[in-house]
Amino acid sequence: MSSKRTHLKRERRIKVIARLAERDGHHCFYCGQLFTEFAQVTIDHYVPYRLWRGWRQENLVLACVVCNETKGDLLPWPLVWLLLAQRREAPVLAA
């Protein structure tokens, strides 16, 4: 998680977490750890913030602190695989 990023204010953060938990459940998106305390929850940008700036919920998931810090600004492997698969399927254009 980048320290340069603008963080959500507490009230907004609570609302976003509640919406994400309703959408995805009360667990870490990456490791599945169940959240029992509010302090365990972080909001992660699935596609890193440096690549997709903003706070659109389509790009947000709930993550435990360890998973969020481990992932950092990296693309998740499932997304990388999808991008590579599309690249291999793309037709080669003649020059």
C-alpha atoms as a PDB file:
ATOM      1  CA  MET A   1       0.000   0.000   0.000  1.00  0.00           C
ATOM      2  CA  SER A   2       1.492   3.307  -1.041  1.00  0.00           C
ATOM      3  CA  SER A   3       1.946   6.006   1.577  1.00  0.00           C
ATOM      4  CA  LYS A   4       1.537   8.745  -1.082  1.00  0.00           C
ATOM      5  CA  ARG A   5      -2.041   7.714  -1.804  1.00  0.00           C
ATOM      6  CA  THR A   6      -4.934   9.718  -0.434  1.00  0.00           C
ATOM      7  CA  HIS A   7      -6.721   7.655   2.200  1.00  0.00           C
ATOM      8  CA  LEU A   8     -10.457   7.585   2.751  1.00  0.00           C
ATOM      9  CA  LYS A   9     -11.854   9.446   5.726  1.00  0.00           C
ATOM     10  CA  ARG A  10     -13.012   7.171   8.544  1.00  0.00           C
ATOM     11  CA  GLU A  11     -16.759   7.524   7.891  1.00  0.00           C
ATOM     12  CA  ARG A  12     -16.362   6.853   4.158  1.00  0.00           C
ATOM     13  CA  ARG A  13     -13.966   3.965   4.846  1.00  0.00           C
ATOM     14  CA  ILE A  14     -16.516   2.298   7.141  1.00  0.00           C
ATOM     15  CA  LYS A  15     -19.222   2.603   4.453  1.00  0.00           C
ATOM     16  CA  VAL A  16     -16.947   1.185   1.737  1.00  0.00           C
ATOM     17  CA  ILE A  17     -15.910  -1.741   3.958  1.00  0.00           C
ATOM     18  CA  ALA A  18     -19.572  -2.479   4.742  1.00  0.00           C
ATOM     19  CA  ARG A  19     -20.477  -2.499   1.025  1.00  0.00           C
ATOM     20  CA  LEU A  20     -17.509  -4.692   0.110  1.00  0.00           C
ATOM     21  CA  ALA A  21     -18.289  -7.114   2.965  1.00  0.00           C
ATOM     22  CA  GLU A  22     -21.886  -7.311   1.769  1.00  0.00           C
ATOM     23  CA  ARG A  23     -20.698  -7.984  -1.791  1.00  0.00           C
ATOM     24  CA  ASP A  24     -17.836 -10.425  -1.061  1.00  0.00           C
ATOM     25  CA  GLY A  25     -18.285 -11.596   2.538  1.00  0.00           C
ATOM     26  CA  HIS A  26     -16.460 -10.814   5.769  1.00  0.00           C
ATOM     27  CA  HIS A  27     -13.151 -12.414   4.852  1.00  0.00           C
ATOM     28  CA  CYS A  28      -9.848 -11.640   3.139  1.00  0.00           C
ATOM     29  CA  PHE A  29     -10.202 -11.806  -0.636  1.00  0.00           C
ATOM     30  CA  TYR A  30      -6.782 -13.484  -0.978  1.00  0.00           C
ATOM     31  CA  CYS A  31      -6.330 -15.923   1.934  1.00  0.00           C
ATOM     32  CA  GLY A  32      -9.923 -16.303   3.146  1.00  0.00           C
ATOM     33  CA  GLN A  33      -9.191 -15.265   6.766  1.00  0.00           C
ATOM     34  CA  LEU A  34     -12.459 -14.351   8.489  1.00  0.00           C
ATOM     35  CA  PHE A  35     -12.487 -10.818   9.915  1.00  0.00           C
ATOM     36  CA  THR A  36     -13.546 -10.721  13.553  1.00  0.00           C
ATOM     37  CA  GLU A  37     -12.362  -7.166  14.274  1.00  0.00           C
ATOM     38  CA  PHE A  38     -12.584  -3.945  12.265  1.00  0.00           C
ATOM     39  CA  ALA A  39      -8.836  -3.355  12.800  1.00  0.00           C
ATOM     40  CA  GLN A  40      -8.009  -6.504  10.779  1.00  0.00           C
ATOM     41  CA  VAL A  41      -9.625  -5.145   7.603  1.00  0.00           C
ATOM     42  CA  THR A  42      -7.830  -3.198   4.881  1.00  0.00           C
ATOM     43  CA  ILE A  43      -9.156  -2.052   1.529  1.00  0.00           C
ATOM     44  CA  ASP A  44      -7.008  -3.248  -1.364  1.00  0.00           C
ATOM     45  CA  HIS A  45      -7.003  -2.047  -4.960  1.00  0.00           C
ATOM     46  CA  TYR A  46      -7.128  -5.332  -6.925  1.00  0.00           C
ATOM     47  CA  VAL A  47      -5.511  -3.612  -9.898  1.00  0.00           C
ATOM     48  CA  PRO A  48      -2.830  -1.491  -8.201  1.00  0.00           C
ATOM     49  CA  TYR A  49      -3.669   2.141  -7.530  1.00  0.00           C
ATOM     50  CA  ARG A  50      -0.686   3.258  -9.625  1.00  0.00           C
ATOM     51  CA  LEU A  51      -2.307   1.600 -12.664  1.00  0.00           C
ATOM     52  CA  TRP A  52      -5.988   2.400 -11.964  1.00  0.00           C
ATOM     53  CA  ARG A  53      -6.313   5.500  -9.809  1.00  0.00           C
ATOM     54  CA  GLY A  54      -9.511   5.999  -7.902  1.00  0.00           C
ATOM     55  CA  TRP A  55     -11.774   4.277  -5.434  1.00  0.00           C
ATOM     56  CA  ARG A  56     -14.280   2.525  -7.728  1.00  0.00           C
ATOM     57  CA  GLN A  57     -15.713  -0.476  -5.929  1.00  0.00           C
ATOM     58  CA  GLU A  58     -15.200  -2.661  -8.988  1.00  0.00           C
ATOM     59  CA  ASN A  59     -11.478  -2.489  -8.215  1.00  0.00           C
ATOM     60  CA  LEU A  60     -11.653  -2.785  -4.422  1.00  0.00           C
ATOM     61  CA  VAL A  61     -11.524  -5.892  -2.237  1.00  0.00           C
ATOM     62  CA  LEU A  62     -11.181  -6.503   1.482  1.00  0.00           C
ATOM     63  CA  ALA A  63      -7.812  -7.925   2.521  1.00  0.00           C
ATOM     64  CA  CYS A  64      -6.021  -8.735   5.736  1.00  0.00           C
ATOM     65  CA  VAL A  65      -2.995  -6.567   6.517  1.00  0.00           C
ATOM     66  CA  VAL A  66      -0.498  -9.328   5.657  1.00  0.00           C
ATOM     67  CA  CYS A  67      -2.019 -10.050   2.229  1.00  0.00           C
ATOM     68  CA  ASN A  68      -2.415  -6.354   1.390  1.00  0.00           C
ATOM     69  CA  GLU A  69       1.205  -5.587   2.285  1.00  0.00           C
ATOM     70  CA  THR A  70       2.480  -8.725   0.504  1.00  0.00           C
ATOM     71  CA  LYS A  71       0.608  -7.917  -2.706  1.00  0.00           C
ATOM     72  CA  GLY A  72       1.569  -4.242  -2.572  1.00  0.00           C
ATOM     73  CA  ASP A  73       1.603  -2.664  -6.037  1.00  0.00           C
ATOM     74  CA  LEU A  74       1.757  -5.981  -7.907  1.00  0.00           C
ATOM     75  CA  LEU A  75      -0.870  -7.327 -10.259  1.00  0.00           C
ATOM     76  CA  PRO A  76      -2.555 -10.467  -8.864  1.00  0.00           C
ATOM     77  CA  TRP A  77      -1.494 -13.626 -10.721  1.00  0.00           C
ATOM     78  CA  PRO A  78      -5.016 -14.526 -11.950  1.00  0.00           C
ATOM     79  CA  LEU A  79      -5.194 -11.145 -13.666  1.00  0.00           C
ATOM     80  CA  VAL A  80      -1.725 -11.599 -15.159  1.00  0.00           C
ATOM     81  CA  TRP A  81      -2.737 -15.027 -16.510  1.00  0.00           C
ATOM     82  CA  LEU A  82      -5.873 -13.583 -18.115  1.00  0.00           C
ATOM     83  CA  LEU A  83      -3.901 -10.786 -19.746  1.00  0.00           C
ATOM     84  CA  LEU A  84      -1.283 -13.216 -21.047  1.00  0.00           C
ATOM     85  CA  ALA A  85      -3.950 -15.579 -22.378  1.00  0.00           C
ATOM     86  CA  GLN A  86      -5.608 -12.739 -24.289  1.00  0.00           C
ATOM     87  CA  ARG A  87      -2.232 -11.689 -25.668  1.00  0.00           C
ATOM     88  CA  ARG A  88      -1.576 -15.198 -26.997  1.00  0.00           C
ATOM     89  CA  GLU A  89      -5.028 -15.344 -28.594  1.00  0.00           C
ATOM     90  CA  ALA A  90      -4.726 -11.926 -30.257  1.00  0.00           C
ATOM     91  CA  PRO A  91      -4.201 -12.106 -34.035  1.00  0.00           C
ATOM     92  CA  VAL A  92      -0.836 -11.030 -35.337  1.00  0.00           C
ATOM     93  CA  LEU A  93      -1.147  -8.069 -37.682  1.00  0.00           C
ATOM     94  CA  ALA A  94       1.025  -7.889 -40.769  1.00  0.00           C
ATOM     95  CA  ALA A  95       3.351  -4.916 -40.935  1.00  0.00           C
END
